[in-house]
Amino acid sequence: MKNNHQILESIKIKGDGCFLPHMSSLKKSIYLFKYDIIIDNNSDIEVKLLSRYWIIKDANNNKEIVEGKGVVGKQPLLKVDDSYQYTSFCPLKTSFGSMKGFYTFCDKNGVKFISEIPEFSLVVPDDIN
C-alpha cells in the first residue's frame, strides 16, 4: 500500500469559477460566482472527504476563511480511480478574486491527510486586461 504522501499526490483537485451576472448586484458590489470542483482519486485505496478549508480573497486583498464538514452537505467516498464533482457558489465584493485551500480526507483505516486545492480565479469577463 502507498504511504499517505503518495496518496496525497494521487488526489487531483481542479477548480473553475464562472461569473453569474443575473444573480449579482453590481450597484451593491455583490458579484456572485459559481465554481465547479472535480476531485480525482488516482490512488490505490478508497478515501473519504471529511472537511473543507477555503481561503477566499477579493481584489482588495480581503481574505475570508470558510471551513466545515464535507462539501455541499456531503462527505463523499471516492473509490479507486473514481471522481467526484460538485458545484457551489461564492459571493465577492469585488469583480475579481481567487479561491484556494485544502480538503481533509481519511483512508479506510481512519488515517487523515490533507490534499491541496490549487488556487483558481473568480473573474468578471472583460474586467481585467
C-alpha atoms as a PDB file:
ATOM      1  CA  MET A   1       0.000   0.000   0.000  1.00  0.00           C
ATOM      2  CA  LYS A   2       1.179   3.544  -0.698  1.00  0.00           C
ATOM      3  CA  ASN A   3       2.101   5.854   2.139  1.00  0.00           C
ATOM      4  CA  ASN A   4      -0.010   8.957   2.824  1.00  0.00           C
ATOM      5  CA  HIS A   5       2.354  11.233   0.888  1.00  0.00           C
ATOM      6  CA  GLN A   6       1.910   9.077  -2.222  1.00  0.00           C
ATOM      7  CA  ILE A   7      -1.867   9.008  -1.703  1.00  0.00           C
ATOM      8  CA  LEU A   8      -1.840  12.781  -1.284  1.00  0.00           C
ATOM      9  CA  GLU A   9      -0.084  13.193  -4.625  1.00  0.00           C
ATOM     10  CA  SER A  10      -2.630  10.843  -6.209  1.00  0.00           C
ATOM     11  CA  ILE A  11      -5.622  13.009  -5.253  1.00  0.00           C
ATOM     12  CA  LYS A  12      -6.030  15.604  -8.006  1.00  0.00           C
ATOM     13  CA  ILE A  13      -8.315  18.598  -7.479  1.00  0.00           C
ATOM     14  CA  LYS A  14      -9.315  21.168 -10.089  1.00  0.00           C
ATOM     15  CA  GLY A  15     -11.473  24.244  -9.585  1.00  0.00           C
ATOM     16  CA  ASP A  16     -13.051  26.530 -12.161  1.00  0.00           C
ATOM     17  CA  GLY A  17     -15.024  29.722 -11.497  1.00  0.00           C
ATOM     18  CA  CYS A  18     -17.738  31.409 -13.567  1.00  0.00           C
ATOM     19  CA  PHE A  19     -19.382  34.817 -13.012  1.00  0.00           C
ATOM     20  CA  LEU A  20     -23.182  34.861 -12.680  1.00  0.00           C
ATOM     21  CA  PRO A  21     -24.307  38.341 -13.824  1.00  0.00           C
ATOM     22  CA  HIS A  22     -28.045  37.596 -13.481  1.00  0.00           C
ATOM     23  CA  MET A  23     -27.569  36.764  -9.777  1.00  0.00           C
ATOM     24  CA  SER A  24     -25.198  39.627  -8.981  1.00  0.00           C
ATOM     25  CA  SER A  25     -25.908  43.189  -7.899  1.00  0.00           C
ATOM     26  CA  LEU A  26     -23.133  45.410  -9.202  1.00  0.00           C
ATOM     27  CA  LYS A  27     -24.704  48.537  -7.638  1.00  0.00           C
ATOM     28  CA  LYS A  28     -24.392  46.843  -4.228  1.00  0.00           C
ATOM     29  CA  SER A  29     -20.940  45.414  -5.038  1.00  0.00           C
ATOM     30  CA  ILE A  30     -22.165  41.833  -4.880  1.00  0.00           C
ATOM     31  CA  TYR A  31     -20.510  39.660  -7.503  1.00  0.00           C
ATOM     32  CA  LEU A  32     -21.736  36.081  -7.418  1.00  0.00           C
ATOM     33  CA  PHE A  33     -19.587  33.319  -8.833  1.00  0.00           C
ATOM     34  CA  LYS A  34     -20.342  29.664  -9.390  1.00  0.00           C
ATOM     35  CA  TYR A  35     -17.452  27.280  -9.084  1.00  0.00           C
ATOM     36  CA  ASP A  36     -17.091  23.679 -10.163  1.00  0.00           C
ATOM     37  CA  ILE A  37     -14.776  21.269  -8.399  1.00  0.00           C
ATOM     38  CA  ILE A  38     -13.510  17.939  -9.740  1.00  0.00           C
ATOM     39  CA  ILE A  39     -11.722  15.564  -7.365  1.00  0.00           C
ATOM     40  CA  ASP A  40      -9.953  12.572  -8.924  1.00  0.00           C
ATOM     41  CA  ASN A  41      -8.804   9.684  -6.760  1.00  0.00           C
ATOM     42  CA  ASN A  42      -5.868   8.234  -8.688  1.00  0.00           C
ATOM     43  CA  SER A  43      -4.593   6.336  -5.645  1.00  0.00           C
ATOM     44  CA  ASP A  44      -4.923   2.614  -4.967  1.00  0.00           C
ATOM     45  CA  ILE A  45      -7.258   2.998  -1.944  1.00  0.00           C
ATOM     46  CA  GLU A  46     -10.695   4.424  -1.173  1.00  0.00           C
ATOM     47  CA  VAL A  47     -10.712   7.816   0.528  1.00  0.00           C
ATOM     48  CA  LYS A  48     -13.477   9.750   2.220  1.00  0.00           C
ATOM     49  CA  LEU A  49     -13.673  13.530   2.082  1.00  0.00           C
ATOM     50  CA  LEU A  50     -14.213  14.748   5.652  1.00  0.00           C
ATOM     51  CA  SER A  51     -13.930  18.534   5.561  1.00  0.00           C
ATOM     52  CA  ARG A  52     -13.027  21.640   3.599  1.00  0.00           C
ATOM     53  CA  TYR A  53     -10.914  24.711   4.292  1.00  0.00           C
ATOM     54  CA  TRP A  54     -11.135  27.635   1.867  1.00  0.00           C
ATOM     55  CA  ILE A  55      -9.201  30.895   1.670  1.00  0.00           C
ATOM     56  CA  ILE A  56     -11.221  33.308  -0.444  1.00  0.00           C
ATOM     57  CA  LYS A  57      -9.504  36.523  -1.493  1.00  0.00           C
ATOM     58  CA  ASP A  58     -11.026  39.542  -3.250  1.00  0.00           C
ATOM     59  CA  ALA A  59      -9.365  42.266  -5.350  1.00  0.00           C
ATOM     60  CA  ASN A  60      -8.751  44.394  -2.238  1.00  0.00           C
ATOM     61  CA  ASN A  61      -6.777  41.506  -0.702  1.00  0.00           C
ATOM     62  CA  ASN A  62      -9.524  40.918   1.888  1.00  0.00           C
ATOM     63  CA  LYS A  63      -9.484  37.279   2.953  1.00  0.00           C
ATOM     64  CA  GLU A  64     -12.329  35.124   4.183  1.00  0.00           C
ATOM     65  CA  ILE A  65     -11.820  31.680   5.675  1.00  0.00           C
ATOM     66  CA  VAL A  66     -14.590  29.145   5.137  1.00  0.00           C
ATOM     67  CA  GLU A  67     -14.324  25.745   6.763  1.00  0.00           C
ATOM     68  CA  GLY A  68     -16.674  22.960   7.638  1.00  0.00           C
ATOM     69  CA  LYS A  69     -17.705  19.370   7.369  1.00  0.00           C
ATOM     70  CA  GLY A  70     -17.830  17.848   3.886  1.00  0.00           C
ATOM     71  CA  VAL A  71     -18.810  19.674   0.709  1.00  0.00           C
ATOM     72  CA  VAL A  72     -22.333  20.750  -0.279  1.00  0.00           C
ATOM     73  CA  GLY A  73     -23.712  18.752   2.640  1.00  0.00           C
ATOM     74  CA  LYS A  74     -21.939  15.501   1.712  1.00  0.00           C
ATOM     75  CA  GLN A  75     -18.864  13.547   2.727  1.00  0.00           C
ATOM     76  CA  PRO A  76     -18.269  11.562  -0.452  1.00  0.00           C
ATOM     77  CA  LEU A  77     -16.398   8.274  -0.599  1.00  0.00           C
ATOM     78  CA  LEU A  78     -14.102   8.141  -3.610  1.00  0.00           C
ATOM     79  CA  LYS A  79     -13.278   4.637  -4.717  1.00  0.00           C
ATOM     80  CA  VAL A  80     -10.072   3.779  -6.573  1.00  0.00           C
ATOM     81  CA  ASP A  81      -9.927   5.675  -9.904  1.00  0.00           C
ATOM     82  CA  ASP A  82     -13.193   7.427  -9.011  1.00  0.00           C
ATOM     83  CA  SER A  83     -14.094  11.099  -9.447  1.00  0.00           C
ATOM     84  CA  TYR A  84     -16.411  13.379  -7.550  1.00  0.00           C
ATOM     85  CA  GLN A  85     -17.773  16.632  -8.931  1.00  0.00           C
ATOM     86  CA  TYR A  86     -19.826  19.349  -7.329  1.00  0.00           C
ATOM     87  CA  THR A  87     -20.874  22.949  -7.880  1.00  0.00           C
ATOM     88  CA  SER A  88     -21.119  25.661  -5.264  1.00  0.00           C
ATOM     89  CA  PHE A  89     -21.211  29.458  -5.077  1.00  0.00           C
ATOM     90  CA  CYS A  90     -19.083  32.302  -3.765  1.00  0.00           C
ATOM     91  CA  PRO A  91     -20.047  35.973  -3.393  1.00  0.00           C
ATOM     92  CA  LEU A  92     -17.334  38.624  -3.650  1.00  0.00           C
ATOM     93  CA  LYS A  93     -17.457  42.378  -3.041  1.00  0.00           C
ATOM     94  CA  THR A  94     -15.122  42.981  -5.990  1.00  0.00           C
ATOM     95  CA  SER A  95     -15.191  41.936  -9.631  1.00  0.00           C
ATOM     96  CA  PHE A  96     -12.311  39.504  -9.245  1.00  0.00           C
ATOM     97  CA  GLY A  97     -10.633  37.358  -6.658  1.00  0.00           C
ATOM     98  CA  SER A  98      -9.468  33.817  -6.045  1.00  0.00           C
ATOM     99  CA  MET A  99     -10.027  30.695  -4.002  1.00  0.00           C
ATOM    100  CA  LYS A 100      -7.659  28.056  -2.682  1.00  0.00           C
ATOM    101  CA  GLY A 101      -7.485  25.735   0.278  1.00  0.00           C
ATOM    102  CA  PHE A 102      -7.488  22.061   1.151  1.00  0.00           C
ATOM    103  CA  TYR A 103      -9.706  19.076   1.825  1.00  0.00           C
ATOM    104  CA  THR A 104      -9.179  16.689   4.705  1.00  0.00           C
ATOM    105  CA  PHE A 105      -9.584  13.045   3.741  1.00  0.00           C
ATOM    106  CA  CYS A 106      -9.259   9.768   5.597  1.00  0.00           C
ATOM    107  CA  ASP A 107      -8.393   6.318   4.330  1.00  0.00           C
ATOM    108  CA  LYS A 108     -10.229   3.105   5.239  1.00  0.00           C
ATOM    109  CA  ASN A 109      -8.121   2.805   8.414  1.00  0.00           C
ATOM    110  CA  GLY A 110      -9.192   6.263   9.581  1.00  0.00           C
ATOM    111  CA  VAL A 111      -5.789   7.838   8.893  1.00  0.00           C
ATOM    112  CA  LYS A 112      -6.336  11.505   7.985  1.00  0.00           C
ATOM    113  CA  PHE A 113      -4.433  13.551   5.437  1.00  0.00           C
ATOM    114  CA  ILE A 114      -4.969  16.775   3.535  1.00  0.00           C
ATOM    115  CA  SER A 115      -4.937  17.482  -0.177  1.00  0.00           C
ATOM    116  CA  GLU A 116      -4.359  20.979  -1.504  1.00  0.00           C
ATOM    117  CA  ILE A 117      -6.949  22.740  -3.659  1.00  0.00           C
ATOM    118  CA  PRO A 118      -4.864  24.733  -6.145  1.00  0.00           C
ATOM    119  CA  GLU A 119      -5.746  28.412  -6.418  1.00  0.00           C
ATOM    120  CA  PHE A 120      -8.216  29.353  -9.147  1.00  0.00           C
ATOM    121  CA  SER A 121      -9.572  32.731 -10.244  1.00  0.00           C
ATOM    122  CA  LEU A 122     -13.006  34.251  -9.932  1.00  0.00           C
ATOM    123  CA  VAL A 123     -13.175  36.977 -12.595  1.00  0.00           C
ATOM    124  CA  VAL A 124     -15.909  39.006 -14.265  1.00  0.00           C
ATOM    125  CA  PRO A 125     -15.248  38.553 -18.026  1.00  0.00           C
ATOM    126  CA  ASP A 126     -13.599  41.541 -19.733  1.00  0.00           C
ATOM    127  CA  ASP A 127     -12.899  43.113 -16.323  1.00  0.00           C
ATOM    128  CA  ILE A 128      -9.136  42.542 -16.292  1.00  0.00           C
ATOM    129  CA  ASN A 129      -6.856  43.307 -19.209  1.00  0.00           C
END
